[in-house]
Amino acid sequence: MNFENKYPDISKMPFIILSGSSSEIGKAVKSARELAIAHNVFIMTGGTYQEQLDNTLTTKEEEIKYYGAVLFGKKDDVSAITKRFSLYTR
């Protein structure tokens, strides 16, 4: 058998997956905003794509349930925000 599993950048540009509660992720997102660190979130507000966008505009920040977030920035800056998170091990 010839497997073509080639992953030349597997360790060059790693993604570190950390685990935290919804409130911890929310705090990390707030810090990322304050420090102008590029980020995006994974939330579910129900309905279609457009309904979800509309729902986020009318939902109070403290009522949003965060399932995940992605932060992209300098290692030291991102690490300062995520230092209390644990490594995701599922």
PDB file of N, CA and C in Angstrom:
ATOM      1  N   MET A   1       0.838  -1.186   0.000  1.00  0.00           N
ATOM      2  CA  MET A   1       0.000   0.000   0.000  1.00  0.00           C
ATOM      3  C   MET A   1       0.878   1.242   0.000  1.00  0.00           C
ATOM      4  N   ASN A   2       0.484   2.216  -0.778  1.00  0.00           N
ATOM      5  CA  ASN A   2       1.229   3.461  -0.838  1.00  0.00           C
ATOM      6  C   ASN A   2       0.350   4.584  -0.287  1.00  0.00           C
ATOM      7  N   PHE A   3       0.624   4.992   0.923  1.00  0.00           N
ATOM      8  CA  PHE A   3      -0.128   6.082   1.528  1.00  0.00           C
ATOM      9  C   PHE A   3       0.555   7.401   1.188  1.00  0.00           C
ATOM     10  N   GLU A   4      -0.224   8.374   0.826  1.00  0.00           N
ATOM     11  CA  GLU A   4       0.328   9.683   0.473  1.00  0.00           C
ATOM     12  C   GLU A   4       0.065  10.704   1.579  1.00  0.00           C
ATOM     13  N   ASN A   5       0.243  10.298   2.805  1.00  0.00           N
ATOM     14  CA  ASN A   5       0.031  11.191   3.946  1.00  0.00           C
ATOM     15  C   ASN A   5       1.273  12.042   4.155  1.00  0.00           C
ATOM     16  N   LYS A   6       1.276  13.190   3.543  1.00  0.00           N
ATOM     17  CA  LYS A   6       2.395  14.111   3.673  1.00  0.00           C
ATOM     18  C   LYS A   6       1.909  15.364   4.380  1.00  0.00           C
ATOM     19  N   TYR A   7       2.551  15.699   5.458  1.00  0.00           N
ATOM     20  CA  TYR A   7       2.175  16.876   6.248  1.00  0.00           C
ATOM     21  C   TYR A   7       3.430  17.685   6.537  1.00  0.00           C
ATOM     22  N   PRO A   8       3.971  18.399   5.549  1.00  0.00           N
ATOM     23  CA  PRO A   8       5.250  19.077   5.736  1.00  0.00           C
ATOM     24  C   PRO A   8       5.235  20.200   6.772  1.00  0.00           C
ATOM     25  N   ASP A   9       4.076  20.779   7.045  1.00  0.00           N
ATOM     26  CA  ASP A   9       4.014  21.906   7.988  1.00  0.00           C
ATOM     27  C   ASP A   9       3.360  21.541   9.309  1.00  0.00           C
ATOM     28  N   ILE A  10       3.306  20.261   9.625  1.00  0.00           N
ATOM     29  CA  ILE A  10       2.555  19.807  10.800  1.00  0.00           C
ATOM     30  C   ILE A  10       3.043  20.450  12.101  1.00  0.00           C
ATOM     31  N   SER A  11       4.318  20.708  12.225  1.00  0.00           N
ATOM     32  CA  SER A  11       4.839  21.334  13.439  1.00  0.00           C
ATOM     33  C   SER A  11       5.348  22.748  13.207  1.00  0.00           C
ATOM     34  N   LYS A  12       5.446  23.140  11.952  1.00  0.00           N
ATOM     35  CA  LYS A  12       5.953  24.468  11.627  1.00  0.00           C
ATOM     36  C   LYS A  12       4.985  25.561  12.067  1.00  0.00           C
ATOM     37  N   MET A  13       3.691  25.351  11.841  1.00  0.00           N
ATOM     38  CA  MET A  13       2.656  26.326  12.177  1.00  0.00           C
ATOM     39  C   MET A  13       1.587  25.631  13.013  1.00  0.00           C
ATOM     40  N   PRO A  14       1.904  25.271  14.257  1.00  0.00           N
ATOM     41  CA  PRO A  14       0.965  24.473  15.054  1.00  0.00           C
ATOM     42  C   PRO A  14      -0.226  25.283  15.558  1.00  0.00           C
ATOM     43  N   PHE A  15      -1.313  24.574  15.738  1.00  0.00           N
ATOM     44  CA  PHE A  15      -2.477  25.115  16.417  1.00  0.00           C
ATOM     45  C   PHE A  15      -2.509  24.456  17.779  1.00  0.00           C
ATOM     46  N   ILE A  16      -2.501  25.225  18.822  1.00  0.00           N
ATOM     47  CA  ILE A  16      -2.584  24.701  20.172  1.00  0.00           C
ATOM     48  C   ILE A  16      -4.049  24.808  20.588  1.00  0.00           C
ATOM     49  N   ILE A  17      -4.652  23.674  20.903  1.00  0.00           N
ATOM     50  CA  ILE A  17      -6.063  23.641  21.277  1.00  0.00           C
ATOM     51  C   ILE A  17      -6.149  23.567  22.800  1.00  0.00           C
ATOM     52  N   LEU A  18      -6.796  24.563  23.382  1.00  0.00           N
ATOM     53  CA  LEU A  18      -6.941  24.646  24.835  1.00  0.00           C
ATOM     54  C   LEU A  18      -8.407  24.504  25.208  1.00  0.00           C
ATOM     55  N   SER A  19      -8.643  24.204  26.457  1.00  0.00           N
ATOM     56  CA  SER A  19      -9.995  23.982  26.950  1.00  0.00           C
ATOM     57  C   SER A  19     -10.340  24.985  28.043  1.00  0.00           C
ATOM     58  N   GLY A  20     -11.579  25.475  27.993  1.00  0.00           N
ATOM     59  CA  GLY A  20     -12.044  26.389  29.026  1.00  0.00           C
ATOM     60  C   GLY A  20     -13.554  26.447  29.016  1.00  0.00           C
ATOM     61  N   SER A  21     -14.122  26.967  30.074  1.00  0.00           N
ATOM     62  CA  SER A  21     -15.574  27.114  30.158  1.00  0.00           C
ATOM     63  C   SER A  21     -16.033  28.270  29.265  1.00  0.00           C
ATOM     64  N   SER A  22     -17.327  28.338  29.050  1.00  0.00           N
ATOM     65  CA  SER A  22     -17.889  29.418  28.244  1.00  0.00           C
ATOM     66  C   SER A  22     -17.501  30.783  28.808  1.00  0.00           C
ATOM     67  N   SER A  23     -17.561  30.943  30.110  1.00  0.00           N
ATOM     68  CA  SER A  23     -17.224  32.246  30.706  1.00  0.00           C
ATOM     69  C   SER A  23     -15.733  32.548  30.569  1.00  0.00           C
ATOM     70  N   GLU A  24     -14.887  31.523  30.678  1.00  0.00           N
ATOM     71  CA  GLU A  24     -13.446  31.739  30.504  1.00  0.00           C
ATOM     72  C   GLU A  24     -13.133  32.146  29.066  1.00  0.00           C
ATOM     73  N   ILE A  25     -13.810  31.503  28.116  1.00  0.00           N
ATOM     74  CA  ILE A  25     -13.611  31.851  26.709  1.00  0.00           C
ATOM     75  C   ILE A  25     -14.092  33.276  26.461  1.00  0.00           C
ATOM     76  N   GLY A  26     -15.224  33.636  27.056  1.00  0.00           N
ATOM     77  CA  GLY A  26     -15.736  35.001  26.928  1.00  0.00           C
ATOM     78  C   GLY A  26     -14.753  36.033  27.451  1.00  0.00           C
ATOM     79  N   LYS A  27     -14.121  35.746  28.580  1.00  0.00           N
ATOM     80  CA  LYS A  27     -13.119  36.662  29.135  1.00  0.00           C
ATOM     81  C   LYS A  27     -11.915  36.777  28.202  1.00  0.00           C
ATOM     82  N   ALA A  28     -11.512  35.662  27.601  1.00  0.00           N
ATOM     83  CA  ALA A  28     -10.394  35.676  26.657  1.00  0.00           C
ATOM     84  C   ALA A  28     -10.731  36.522  25.433  1.00  0.00           C
ATOM     85  N   VAL A  29     -11.952  36.393  24.945  1.00  0.00           N
ATOM     86  CA  VAL A  29     -12.402  37.179  23.792  1.00  0.00           C
ATOM     87  C   VAL A  29     -12.398  38.660  24.138  1.00  0.00           C
ATOM     88  N   LYS A  30     -12.881  38.996  25.321  1.00  0.00           N
ATOM     89  CA  LYS A  30     -12.891  40.397  25.763  1.00  0.00           C
ATOM     90  C   LYS A  30     -11.463  40.944  25.816  1.00  0.00           C
ATOM     91  N   SER A  31     -10.540  40.163  26.352  1.00  0.00           N
ATOM     92  CA  SER A  31      -9.143  40.592  26.409  1.00  0.00           C
ATOM     93  C   SER A  31      -8.560  40.757  25.014  1.00  0.00           C
ATOM     94  N   ALA A  32      -8.888  39.830  24.116  1.00  0.00           N
ATOM     95  CA  ALA A  32      -8.395  39.926  22.735  1.00  0.00           C
ATOM     96  C   ALA A  32      -8.886  41.215  22.086  1.00  0.00           C
ATOM     97  N   ARG A  33     -10.148  41.553  22.319  1.00  0.00           N
ATOM     98  CA  ARG A  33     -10.703  42.806  21.771  1.00  0.00           C
ATOM     99  C   ARG A  33      -9.934  44.010  22.312  1.00  0.00           C
ATOM    100  N   GLU A  34      -9.739  44.021  23.628  1.00  0.00           N
ATOM    101  CA  GLU A  34      -9.071  45.151  24.276  1.00  0.00           C
ATOM    102  C   GLU A  34      -7.641  45.330  23.782  1.00  0.00           C
ATOM    103  N   LEU A  35      -6.971  44.215  23.465  1.00  0.00           N
ATOM    104  CA  LEU A  35      -5.577  44.263  23.016  1.00  0.00           C
ATOM    105  C   LEU A  35      -5.448  44.264  21.496  1.00  0.00           C
ATOM    106  N   ALA A  36      -6.574  44.359  20.800  1.00  0.00           N
ATOM    107  CA  ALA A  36      -6.604  44.374  19.329  1.00  0.00           C
ATOM    108  C   ALA A  36      -5.926  43.145  18.734  1.00  0.00           C
ATOM    109  N   ILE A  37      -6.171  41.982  19.357  1.00  0.00           N
ATOM    110  CA  ILE A  37      -5.668  40.712  18.843  1.00  0.00           C
ATOM    111  C   ILE A  37      -6.734  40.117  17.931  1.00  0.00           C
ATOM    112  N   ALA A  38      -6.330  39.705  16.743  1.00  0.00           N
ATOM    113  CA  ALA A  38      -7.277  39.119  15.800  1.00  0.00           C
ATOM    114  C   ALA A  38      -7.913  37.884  16.427  1.00  0.00           C
ATOM    115  N   HIS A  39      -9.234  37.758  16.275  1.00  0.00           N
ATOM    116  CA  HIS A  39      -9.940  36.632  16.888  1.00  0.00           C
ATOM    117  C   HIS A  39     -11.263  36.378  16.181  1.00  0.00           C
ATOM    118  N   ASN A  40     -11.814  35.218  16.438  1.00  0.00           N
ATOM    119  CA  ASN A  40     -13.160  34.874  15.995  1.00  0.00           C
ATOM    120  C   ASN A  40     -13.729  33.931  17.040  1.00  0.00           C
ATOM    121  N   VAL A  41     -15.044  33.801  17.067  1.00  0.00           N
ATOM    122  CA  VAL A  41     -15.691  32.973  18.087  1.00  0.00           C
ATOM    123  C   VAL A  41     -16.565  31.905  17.457  1.00  0.00           C
ATOM    124  N   PHE A  42     -16.838  30.876  18.243  1.00  0.00           N
ATOM    125  CA  PHE A  42     -17.765  29.819  17.869  1.00  0.00           C
ATOM    126  C   PHE A  42     -18.904  29.858  18.872  1.00  0.00           C
ATOM    127  N   ILE A  43     -20.059  30.340  18.419  1.00  0.00           N
ATOM    128  CA  ILE A  43     -21.250  30.429  19.254  1.00  0.00           C
ATOM    129  C   ILE A  43     -22.427  29.897  18.451  1.00  0.00           C
ATOM    130  N   MET A  44     -23.476  29.544  19.148  1.00  0.00           N
ATOM    131  CA  MET A  44     -24.703  29.101  18.486  1.00  0.00           C
ATOM    132  C   MET A  44     -25.856  29.906  19.066  1.00  0.00           C
ATOM    133  N   THR A  45     -26.560  30.604  18.191  1.00  0.00           N
ATOM    134  CA  THR A  45     -27.723  31.364  18.652  1.00  0.00           C
ATOM    135  C   THR A  45     -28.993  30.882  17.974  1.00  0.00           C
ATOM    136  N   GLY A  46     -28.889  29.806  17.201  1.00  0.00           N
ATOM    137  CA  GLY A  46     -30.055  29.202  16.563  1.00  0.00           C
ATOM    138  C   GLY A  46     -30.434  29.841  15.249  1.00  0.00           C
ATOM    139  N   GLY A  47     -31.082  29.054  14.417  1.00  0.00           N
ATOM    140  CA  GLY A  47     -31.591  29.567  13.154  1.00  0.00           C
ATOM    141  C   GLY A  47     -30.571  29.554  12.030  1.00  0.00           C
ATOM    142  N   THR A  48     -30.904  30.309  10.996  1.00  0.00           N
ATOM    143  CA  THR A  48     -30.054  30.402   9.816  1.00  0.00           C
ATOM    144  C   THR A  48     -28.836  31.269  10.101  1.00  0.00           C
ATOM    145  N   TYR A  49     -27.951  31.331   9.142  1.00  0.00           N
ATOM    146  CA  TYR A  49     -26.771  32.183   9.247  1.00  0.00           C
ATOM    147  C   TYR A  49     -27.166  33.621   9.564  1.00  0.00           C
ATOM    148  N   GLN A  50     -28.104  34.156   8.798  1.00  0.00           N
ATOM    149  CA  GLN A  50     -28.530  35.541   9.001  1.00  0.00           C
ATOM    150  C   GLN A  50     -29.199  35.715  10.362  1.00  0.00           C
ATOM    151  N   GLU A  51     -30.027  34.749  10.773  1.00  0.00           N
ATOM    152  CA  GLU A  51     -30.678  34.838  12.080  1.00  0.00           C
ATOM    153  C   GLU A  51     -29.649  34.822  13.207  1.00  0.00           C
ATOM    154  N   GLN A  52     -28.600  34.026  13.047  1.00  0.00           N
ATOM    155  CA  GLN A  52     -27.554  33.994  14.067  1.00  0.00           C
ATOM    156  C   GLN A  52     -26.854  35.351  14.155  1.00  0.00           C
ATOM    157  N   LEU A  53     -26.549  35.943  13.002  1.00  0.00           N
ATOM    158  CA  LEU A  53     -25.934  37.274  13.015  1.00  0.00           C
ATOM    159  C   LEU A  53     -26.848  38.292  13.694  1.00  0.00           C
ATOM    160  N   ASP A  54     -28.129  38.262  13.347  1.00  0.00           N
ATOM    161  CA  ASP A  54     -29.088  39.177  13.960  1.00  0.00           C
ATOM    162  C   ASP A  54     -29.196  38.938  15.465  1.00  0.00           C
ATOM    163  N   ASN A  55     -29.230  37.673  15.870  1.00  0.00           N
ATOM    164  CA  ASN A  55     -29.342  37.335  17.293  1.00  0.00           C
ATOM    165  C   ASN A  55     -28.158  37.832  18.109  1.00  0.00           C
ATOM    166  N   THR A  56     -26.964  37.797  17.530  1.00  0.00           N
ATOM    167  CA  THR A  56     -25.796  38.276  18.285  1.00  0.00           C
ATOM    168  C   THR A  56     -25.883  39.772  18.555  1.00  0.00           C
ATOM    169  N   LEU A  57     -26.578  40.498  17.678  1.00  0.00           N
ATOM    170  CA  LEU A  57     -26.707  41.940  17.872  1.00  0.00           C
ATOM    171  C   LEU A  57     -27.697  42.292  18.972  1.00  0.00           C
ATOM    172  N   THR A  58     -28.597  41.360  19.282  1.00  0.00           N
ATOM    173  CA  THR A  58     -29.633  41.648  20.277  1.00  0.00           C
ATOM    174  C   THR A  58     -29.452  40.837  21.569  1.00  0.00           C
ATOM    175  N   THR A  59     -28.363  40.099  21.667  1.00  0.00           N
ATOM    176  CA  THR A  59     -28.098  39.287  22.852  1.00  0.00           C
ATOM    177  C   THR A  59     -27.046  39.985  23.705  1.00  0.00           C
ATOM    178  N   LYS A  60     -27.319  40.104  24.988  1.00  0.00           N
ATOM    179  CA  LYS A  60     -26.346  40.703  25.899  1.00  0.00           C
ATOM    180  C   LYS A  60     -25.092  39.838  25.955  1.00  0.00           C
ATOM    181  N   GLU A  61     -23.957  40.488  26.061  1.00  0.00           N
ATOM    182  CA  GLU A  61     -22.666  39.780  26.082  1.00  0.00           C
ATOM    183  C   GLU A  61     -22.639  38.662  27.116  1.00  0.00           C
ATOM    184  N   GLU A  62     -23.151  38.930  28.294  1.00  0.00           N
ATOM    185  CA  GLU A  62     -23.108  37.927  29.369  1.00  0.00           C
ATOM    186  C   GLU A  62     -24.046  36.740  29.119  1.00  0.00           C
ATOM    187  N   GLU A  63     -24.936  36.849  28.146  1.00  0.00           N
ATOM    188  CA  GLU A  63     -25.851  35.756  27.819  1.00  0.00           C
ATOM    189  C   GLU A  63     -25.354  34.869  26.669  1.00  0.00           C
ATOM    190  N   ILE A  64     -24.265  35.267  26.036  1.00  0.00           N
ATOM    191  CA  ILE A  64     -23.723  34.480  24.924  1.00  0.00           C
ATOM    192  C   ILE A  64     -23.000  33.259  25.480  1.00  0.00           C
ATOM    193  N   LYS A  65     -23.291  32.098  24.913  1.00  0.00           N
ATOM    194  CA  LYS A  65     -22.594  30.875  25.302  1.00  0.00           C
ATOM    195  C   LYS A  65     -21.502  30.607  24.269  1.00  0.00           C
ATOM    196  N   TYR A  66     -20.268  30.685  24.736  1.00  0.00           N
ATOM    197  CA  TYR A  66     -19.118  30.460  23.855  1.00  0.00           C
ATOM    198  C   TYR A  66     -18.759  28.981  23.853  1.00  0.00           C
ATOM    199  N   TYR A  67     -18.580  28.445  22.656  1.00  0.00           N
ATOM    200  CA  TYR A  67     -18.126  27.063  22.496  1.00  0.00           C
ATOM    201  C   TYR A  67     -16.644  27.024  22.163  1.00  0.00           C
ATOM    202  N   GLY A  68     -16.133  28.108  21.642  1.00  0.00           N
ATOM    203  CA  GLY A  68     -14.716  28.169  21.298  1.00  0.00           C
ATOM    204  C   GLY A  68     -14.359  29.536  20.758  1.00  0.00           C
ATOM    205  N   ALA A  69     -13.064  29.753  20.637  1.00  0.00           N
ATOM    206  CA  ALA A  69     -12.548  30.997  20.068  1.00  0.00           C
ATOM    207  C   ALA A  69     -11.194  30.707  19.435  1.00  0.00           C
ATOM    208  N   VAL A  70     -10.870  31.506  18.466  1.00  0.00           N
ATOM    209  CA  VAL A  70      -9.568  31.438  17.817  1.00  0.00           C
ATOM    210  C   VAL A  70      -8.903  32.792  18.009  1.00  0.00           C
ATOM    211  N   LEU A  71      -7.672  32.776  18.504  1.00  0.00           N
ATOM    212  CA  LEU A  71      -6.905  34.000  18.660  1.00  0.00           C
ATOM    213  C   LEU A  71      -5.665  33.885  17.794  1.00  0.00           C
ATOM    214  N   PHE A  72      -5.324  34.965  17.090  1.00  0.00           N
ATOM    215  CA  PHE A  72      -4.153  34.965  16.236  1.00  0.00           C
ATOM    216  C   PHE A  72      -3.357  36.225  16.512  1.00  0.00           C
ATOM    217  N   GLY A  73      -2.157  36.029  17.034  1.00  0.00           N
ATOM    218  CA  GLY A  73      -1.315  37.174  17.340  1.00  0.00           C
ATOM    219  C   GLY A  73       0.047  36.723  17.790  1.00  0.00           C
ATOM    220  N   LYS A  74       0.793  37.638  18.332  1.00  0.00           N
ATOM    221  CA  LYS A  74       2.123  37.310  18.838  1.00  0.00           C
ATOM    222  C   LYS A  74       1.991  36.305  19.983  1.00  0.00           C
ATOM    223  N   LYS A  75       2.897  35.343  19.999  1.00  0.00           N
ATOM    224  CA  LYS A  75       2.834  34.254  20.980  1.00  0.00           C
ATOM    225  C   LYS A  75       2.709  34.772  22.405  1.00  0.00           C
ATOM    226  N   ASP A  76       3.526  35.740  22.778  1.00  0.00           N
ATOM    227  CA  ASP A  76       3.497  36.255  24.151  1.00  0.00           C
ATOM    228  C   ASP A  76       2.162  36.903  24.491  1.00  0.00           C
ATOM    229  N   ASP A  77       1.580  37.618  23.527  1.00  0.00           N
ATOM    230  CA  ASP A  77       0.290  38.284  23.756  1.00  0.00           C
ATOM    231  C   ASP A  77      -0.834  37.270  23.933  1.00  0.00           C
ATOM    232  N   VAL A  78      -0.875  36.279  23.031  1.00  0.00           N
ATOM    233  CA  VAL A  78      -1.923  35.255  23.112  1.00  0.00           C
ATOM    234  C   VAL A  78      -1.726  34.399  24.365  1.00  0.00           C
ATOM    235  N   SER A  79      -0.489  34.053  24.671  1.00  0.00           N
ATOM    236  CA  SER A  79      -0.205  33.233  25.854  1.00  0.00           C
ATOM    237  C   SER A  79      -0.617  33.933  27.144  1.00  0.00           C
ATOM    238  N   ALA A  80      -0.468  35.246  27.187  1.00  0.00           N
ATOM    239  CA  ALA A  80      -0.873  35.995  28.383  1.00  0.00           C
ATOM    240  C   ALA A  80      -2.374  35.867  28.620  1.00  0.00           C
ATOM    241  N   ILE A  81      -3.144  35.792  27.552  1.00  0.00           N
ATOM    242  CA  ILE A  81      -4.598  35.658  27.663  1.00  0.00           C
ATOM    243  C   ILE A  81      -5.000  34.229  28.004  1.00  0.00           C
ATOM    244  N   THR A  82      -4.295  33.252  27.451  1.00  0.00           N
ATOM    245  CA  THR A  82      -4.720  31.849  27.562  1.00  0.00           C
ATOM    246  C   THR A  82      -3.954  31.044  28.602  1.00  0.00           C
ATOM    247  N   LYS A  83      -3.126  31.681  29.398  1.00  0.00           N
ATOM    248  CA  LYS A  83      -2.248  30.946  30.317  1.00  0.00           C
ATOM    249  C   LYS A  83      -2.988  30.078  31.340  1.00  0.00           C
ATOM    250  N   ARG A  84      -4.213  30.414  31.644  1.00  0.00           N
ATOM    251  CA  ARG A  84      -4.956  29.626  32.643  1.00  0.00           C
ATOM    252  C   ARG A  84      -5.794  28.497  32.026  1.00  0.00           C
ATOM    253  N   PHE A  85      -5.810  28.422  30.712  1.00  0.00           N
ATOM    254  CA  PHE A  85      -6.543  27.356  30.042  1.00  0.00           C
ATOM    255  C   PHE A  85      -5.714  26.070  30.100  1.00  0.00           C
ATOM    256  N   SER A  86      -6.400  24.929  30.035  1.00  0.00           N
ATOM    257  CA  SER A  86      -5.684  23.651  30.020  1.00  0.00           C
ATOM    258  C   SER A  86      -5.672  23.089  28.601  1.00  0.00           C
ATOM    259  N   LEU A  87      -4.724  22.211  28.340  1.00  0.00           N
ATOM    260  CA  LEU A  87      -4.608  21.594  27.034  1.00  0.00           C
ATOM    261  C   LEU A  87      -5.822  20.712  26.773  1.00  0.00           C
ATOM    262  N   TYR A  88      -6.421  20.838  25.599  1.00  0.00           N
ATOM    263  CA  TYR A  88      -7.579  20.038  25.220  1.00  0.00           C
ATOM    264  C   TYR A  88      -7.114  18.606  24.968  1.00  0.00           C
ATOM    265  N   THR A  89      -7.729  17.633  25.650  1.00  0.00           N
ATOM    266  CA  THR A  89      -7.221  16.252  25.592  1.00  0.00           C
ATOM    267  C   THR A  89      -8.247  15.216  25.153  1.00  0.00           C
ATOM    268  N   ARG A  90      -9.337  15.578  24.604  1.00  0.00           N
ATOM    269  CA  ARG A  90     -10.338  14.568  24.215  1.00  0.00           C
ATOM    270  C   ARG A  90      -9.881  13.716  23.093  1.00  0.00           C
TER     271      ARG A  90
END
